[in-house]
């Protein structure tokens, strides 16, 4: 398994004549609309949502400062629009190239398979290798990306659930995930020193394209772009799932 390859961004001013009492209802409506969009889009996929598992970080949180940026909910909702669908992709950047690249010449399929409880699971199938699943989880601070790896018998790989959390609000179209401390420790333990400076990113243009990216200082750049205009047949379940 080539773990290094999987290790892959308005306020309007109120008129001075509008007082705070007039502005407040409009702001409440905007907050309510954003919350409803996230709940509808994330709960509509993968079956009926469970009342006991609300989306993390909604306005129900007591601490307003813990509510994640609106861009996070919009980003997840954009991906969730495609829940249940699969799409073919191709490599658009792979620098520097490697002689033993596990992605070269293989079919690349992403499947937006599960969307519930503030978590999206997106298996990434590389030819006959069904070991990879991207896991996006909404948190009180923003968004976390993890890479789940399993062997063909369903058991967890030695290097799995690595990734990072957003350190900036990002946008509804792009989110970036610098490598986390736990993943750095895992990479160092497993002799994967090149991966300790990883930053992953994802981009989404609903109905158009999805991009997965890995970058490192020094010039490493790996990107796979998926065509969202043409859904393909859904692949088999990833290893370890039914």
Protein backbone atom coordinates (compact mmCIF):
# COMPACT_ATOMS: atom_id res chain seq x y z
CA UNK A 1 0.00 0.00 0.00
CA UNK A 2 1.39 3.42 -0.95
CA UNK A 3 0.30 5.40 2.11
CA UNK A 4 2.24 8.48 1.02
CA UNK A 5 -0.02 8.90 -1.99
CA UNK A 6 -3.19 8.81 0.11
CA UNK A 7 -1.68 11.21 2.67
CA UNK A 8 -3.66 13.80 -0.45
CA UNK A 9 -9.66 26.34 0.82
CA UNK A 10 -19.76 38.38 2.95
CA UNK A 11 -20.41 40.40 4.98
CA UNK A 12 -22.51 43.31 3.73
CA UNK A 13 -22.62 46.62 5.55
CA UNK A 14 -26.00 47.70 6.94
CA UNK A 15 -27.18 51.20 6.16
CA UNK A 16 -26.59 53.61 9.01
CA UNK A 17 -30.33 54.23 8.98
CA UNK A 18 -31.15 50.61 9.87
CA UNK A 19 -31.16 50.02 13.62
CA UNK A 20 -30.15 46.81 15.44
CA UNK A 21 -33.80 45.80 16.02
CA UNK A 22 -34.44 45.73 12.26
CA UNK A 23 -31.29 43.78 11.48
CA UNK A 24 -31.75 41.07 14.12
CA UNK A 25 -34.72 39.14 12.55
CA UNK A 26 -32.95 38.97 9.18
CA UNK A 27 -29.82 37.58 10.81
CA UNK A 28 -31.89 34.98 12.68
CA UNK A 29 -33.50 33.93 9.40
CA UNK A 30 -30.08 33.54 7.75
CA UNK A 31 -28.79 31.38 10.62
CA UNK A 32 -31.93 29.25 10.55
CA UNK A 33 -31.64 28.73 6.79
CA UNK A 34 -28.01 27.63 7.05
CA UNK A 35 -28.85 25.18 9.84
CA UNK A 36 -31.80 23.73 7.96
CA UNK A 37 -29.71 23.23 4.82
CA UNK A 38 -27.06 21.26 6.69
CA UNK A 39 -29.59 19.10 8.50
CA UNK A 40 -31.59 18.39 5.34
CA UNK A 41 -28.63 17.54 3.15
CA UNK A 42 -26.75 15.43 5.69
CA UNK A 43 -29.83 13.65 6.96
CA UNK A 44 -31.31 12.89 3.55
CA UNK A 45 -28.57 10.46 2.53
CA UNK A 46 -28.00 6.93 3.71
CA UNK A 47 -31.42 6.45 5.27
CA UNK A 48 -33.49 8.40 7.76
CA UNK A 49 -31.48 10.47 10.27
CA UNK A 50 -31.49 9.45 13.89
CA UNK A 51 -32.95 12.05 16.29
CA UNK A 52 -30.24 11.11 18.76
CA UNK A 53 -27.46 12.03 16.36
CA UNK A 54 -27.80 15.74 15.41
CA UNK A 55 -25.18 17.35 13.22
CA UNK A 56 -22.33 18.45 15.46
CA UNK A 57 -21.85 22.16 15.89
CA UNK A 58 -25.39 23.30 15.03
CA UNK A 59 -26.79 26.47 16.70
CA UNK A 60 -28.14 24.23 19.50
CA UNK A 61 -24.64 24.30 20.94
CA UNK A 62 -24.55 26.40 24.09
CA UNK A 63 -21.18 27.95 23.27
CA UNK A 64 -21.56 30.17 20.20
CA UNK A 65 -17.78 30.25 19.70
CA UNK A 66 -17.80 26.47 19.19
CA UNK A 67 -20.14 26.63 16.19
CA UNK A 68 -18.08 25.82 13.07
CA UNK A 69 -17.94 28.29 10.19
CA UNK A 70 -20.93 28.30 7.85
CA UNK A 71 -18.61 27.28 5.01
CA UNK A 72 -18.11 23.86 6.64
CA UNK A 73 -21.82 23.04 6.56
CA UNK A 74 -22.12 24.32 3.01
CA UNK A 75 -19.12 22.23 1.93
CA UNK A 76 -20.55 19.03 3.43
CA UNK A 77 -24.00 19.75 2.00
CA UNK A 78 -22.51 20.15 -1.48
CA UNK A 79 -20.91 16.71 -1.28
CA UNK A 80 -24.03 15.18 0.27
CA UNK A 81 -26.05 16.25 -2.78
CA UNK A 82 -24.31 13.33 -4.51
CA UNK A 83 -24.89 10.76 -1.77
CA UNK A 84 -25.41 7.26 -3.19
CA UNK A 85 -23.65 8.12 -6.45
CA UNK A 86 -20.25 7.03 -7.80
CA UNK A 87 -17.96 8.89 -10.18
CA UNK A 88 -14.88 8.12 -12.24
CA UNK A 89 -11.74 10.16 -11.86
CA UNK A 90 -8.31 10.71 -13.35
CA UNK A 91 -4.99 12.01 -12.09
CA UNK A 92 -4.45 15.69 -12.93
CA UNK A 93 -1.22 16.22 -10.97
CA UNK A 94 1.40 13.79 -9.65
CA UNK A 95 4.71 15.48 -8.91
CA UNK A 96 7.31 14.20 -8.67
CA UNK A 97 6.29 11.03 -10.53
CA UNK A 98 7.10 7.64 -8.97
CA UNK A 99 8.10 4.45 -10.75
CA UNK A 100 5.90 2.30 -8.48
CA UNK A 101 2.83 4.57 -8.50
CA UNK A 102 -0.14 2.39 -7.37
CA UNK A 103 -2.63 4.69 -9.17
CA UNK A 104 -1.09 4.70 -12.64
CA UNK A 105 -3.20 2.92 -15.25
CA UNK A 106 -5.93 1.99 -12.74
CA UNK A 107 -9.61 2.88 -12.74
CA UNK A 108 -10.28 5.49 -10.03
CA UNK A 109 -13.79 5.56 -8.57
CA UNK A 110 -15.17 7.59 -5.66
CA UNK A 111 -18.49 6.56 -4.09
CA UNK A 112 -20.36 8.95 -1.78
CA UNK A 113 -21.65 5.98 0.20
CA UNK A 114 -22.76 7.23 3.63
CA UNK A 115 -24.07 10.64 4.71
CA UNK A 116 -25.48 10.77 8.23
CA UNK A 117 -24.94 12.27 11.66
CA UNK A 118 -22.45 14.88 10.46
CA UNK A 119 -20.18 12.22 8.89
CA UNK A 120 -19.62 11.41 5.23
CA UNK A 121 -17.88 8.19 4.13
CA UNK A 122 -16.46 8.15 0.61
CA UNK A 123 -14.73 4.93 -0.50
CA UNK A 124 -11.95 5.50 -3.04
CA UNK A 125 -11.55 2.43 -5.28
CA UNK A 126 -8.27 2.00 -7.17
CA UNK A 127 -8.68 -0.81 -9.69
CA UNK A 128 -9.27 -4.00 -7.69
CA UNK A 129 -8.00 -2.38 -4.50
CA UNK A 130 -10.98 -1.57 -2.28
CA UNK A 131 -9.01 -0.72 0.85
CA UNK A 132 -9.50 3.05 1.05
CA UNK A 133 -12.29 5.19 2.51
CA UNK A 134 -12.22 8.94 3.11
CA UNK A 135 -14.07 9.90 6.30
CA UNK A 136 -15.23 13.51 6.76
CA UNK A 137 -16.57 14.42 10.19
CA UNK A 138 -18.02 17.72 11.32
CA UNK A 139 -16.65 18.89 14.67
CA UNK A 140 -17.34 21.79 17.02
CA UNK A 141 -14.35 23.62 15.52
CA UNK A 142 -14.73 22.73 11.84
CA UNK A 143 -14.08 19.57 9.85
CA UNK A 144 -11.84 16.50 10.17
CA UNK A 145 -10.57 14.25 7.36
CA UNK A 146 -9.38 10.70 8.07
CA UNK A 147 -8.13 8.00 5.70
CA UNK A 148 -9.42 4.57 6.64
CA UNK A 149 -7.45 1.59 5.29
CA UNK A 150 -8.51 -2.06 5.58
CA UNK A 151 -7.11 -5.36 4.39
CA UNK A 152 -9.13 -7.60 2.11
CA UNK A 153 -10.28 -9.66 5.12
CA UNK A 154 -11.76 -6.48 6.63
CA UNK A 155 -9.15 -6.04 9.35
CA UNK A 156 -7.63 -2.61 9.92
CA UNK A 157 -4.35 -1.84 8.18
CA UNK A 158 -1.27 -0.97 10.21
CA UNK A 159 -1.50 2.64 9.01
CA UNK A 160 -5.10 3.83 9.08
CA UNK A 161 -7.35 6.70 10.22
CA UNK A 162 -4.65 9.25 9.60
CA UNK A 163 -5.40 12.78 8.47
CA UNK A 164 -6.00 16.17 10.00
CA UNK A 165 -8.50 18.89 10.88
CA UNK A 166 -9.20 22.24 9.32
CA UNK A 167 -7.16 25.10 10.76
CA UNK A 168 -9.00 27.83 8.83
CA UNK A 169 -12.66 28.39 7.88
CA UNK A 170 -12.10 27.44 4.24
CA UNK A 171 -14.90 27.98 1.75
CA UNK A 172 -18.00 26.17 0.56
CA UNK A 173 -15.89 24.93 -2.38
CA UNK A 174 -12.54 24.03 -0.76
CA UNK A 175 -11.36 22.75 2.63
CA UNK A 176 -7.76 22.03 3.67
CA UNK A 177 -6.53 19.59 6.32
CA UNK A 178 -2.98 19.95 7.70
CA UNK A 179 -1.62 16.72 9.17
CA UNK A 180 -2.55 16.18 12.84
CA UNK A 181 -0.23 15.37 15.75
CA UNK A 182 -1.55 11.82 16.10
CA UNK A 183 -0.93 11.12 12.42
CA UNK A 184 2.58 12.56 12.64
CA UNK A 185 3.34 10.16 15.50
CA UNK A 186 1.94 7.25 13.46
CA UNK A 187 4.00 8.14 10.40
CA UNK A 188 7.17 8.46 12.46
CA UNK A 189 6.51 5.14 14.15
CA UNK A 190 5.95 3.41 10.79
CA UNK A 191 8.99 4.98 9.10
CA UNK A 192 6.95 7.27 6.83
CA UNK A 193 8.90 10.43 7.53
CA UNK A 194 7.98 12.10 4.23
CA UNK A 195 4.33 12.21 5.29
CA UNK A 196 4.78 14.27 8.47
CA UNK A 197 4.33 17.52 6.49
CA UNK A 198 1.24 16.43 4.56
CA UNK A 199 -1.64 18.76 3.83
CA UNK A 200 -4.75 17.27 2.23
CA UNK A 201 -7.50 19.24 0.50
CA UNK A 202 -10.84 18.60 -1.15
CA UNK A 203 -12.76 20.75 -3.62
CA UNK A 204 -16.39 20.41 -4.71
CA UNK A 205 -18.37 22.04 -7.52
CA UNK A 206 -21.78 20.32 -7.31
CA UNK A 207 -22.76 18.62 -10.52
CA UNK A 208 -19.37 19.45 -12.05
CA UNK A 209 -16.21 18.21 -10.30
CA UNK A 210 -14.70 16.88 -7.08
CA UNK A 211 -10.97 17.10 -6.36
CA UNK A 212 -8.83 15.20 -3.84
CA UNK A 213 -5.39 16.66 -3.18
CA UNK A 214 -2.21 15.89 -1.26
CA UNK A 215 0.62 18.39 -1.05
CA UNK A 216 3.90 18.80 0.82
CA UNK A 217 6.50 21.54 1.04
CA UNK A 218 9.21 20.90 -1.49
CA UNK A 219 7.00 20.28 -4.49
CA UNK A 220 4.97 17.11 -3.80
CA UNK A 221 1.53 17.49 -5.38
CA UNK A 222 -0.98 14.71 -6.04
CA UNK A 223 -4.49 15.46 -7.34
CA UNK A 224 -7.33 13.28 -8.58
CA UNK A 225 -10.31 14.95 -10.22
CA UNK A 226 -13.71 13.26 -10.52
CA UNK A 227 -16.36 14.08 -13.13
CA UNK A 228 -19.66 14.73 -11.32
CA UNK A 229 -21.57 15.25 -14.57
CA UNK A 230 -21.58 11.51 -15.36
CA UNK A 231 -22.36 9.07 -12.51
CA UNK A 232 -21.06 5.53 -13.03
CA UNK A 233 -22.16 2.16 -11.72
CA UNK A 234 -21.69 1.91 -7.97
CA UNK A 235 -18.73 -0.30 -7.05
CA UNK A 236 -18.69 -3.10 -4.52
CA UNK A 237 -18.54 -2.29 -0.83
CA UNK A 238 -15.08 -1.34 0.40
CA UNK A 239 -13.23 -4.01 2.31
CA UNK A 240 -14.61 -4.39 5.82
CA UNK A 241 -18.07 -3.06 4.90
CA UNK A 242 -21.26 -4.75 3.73
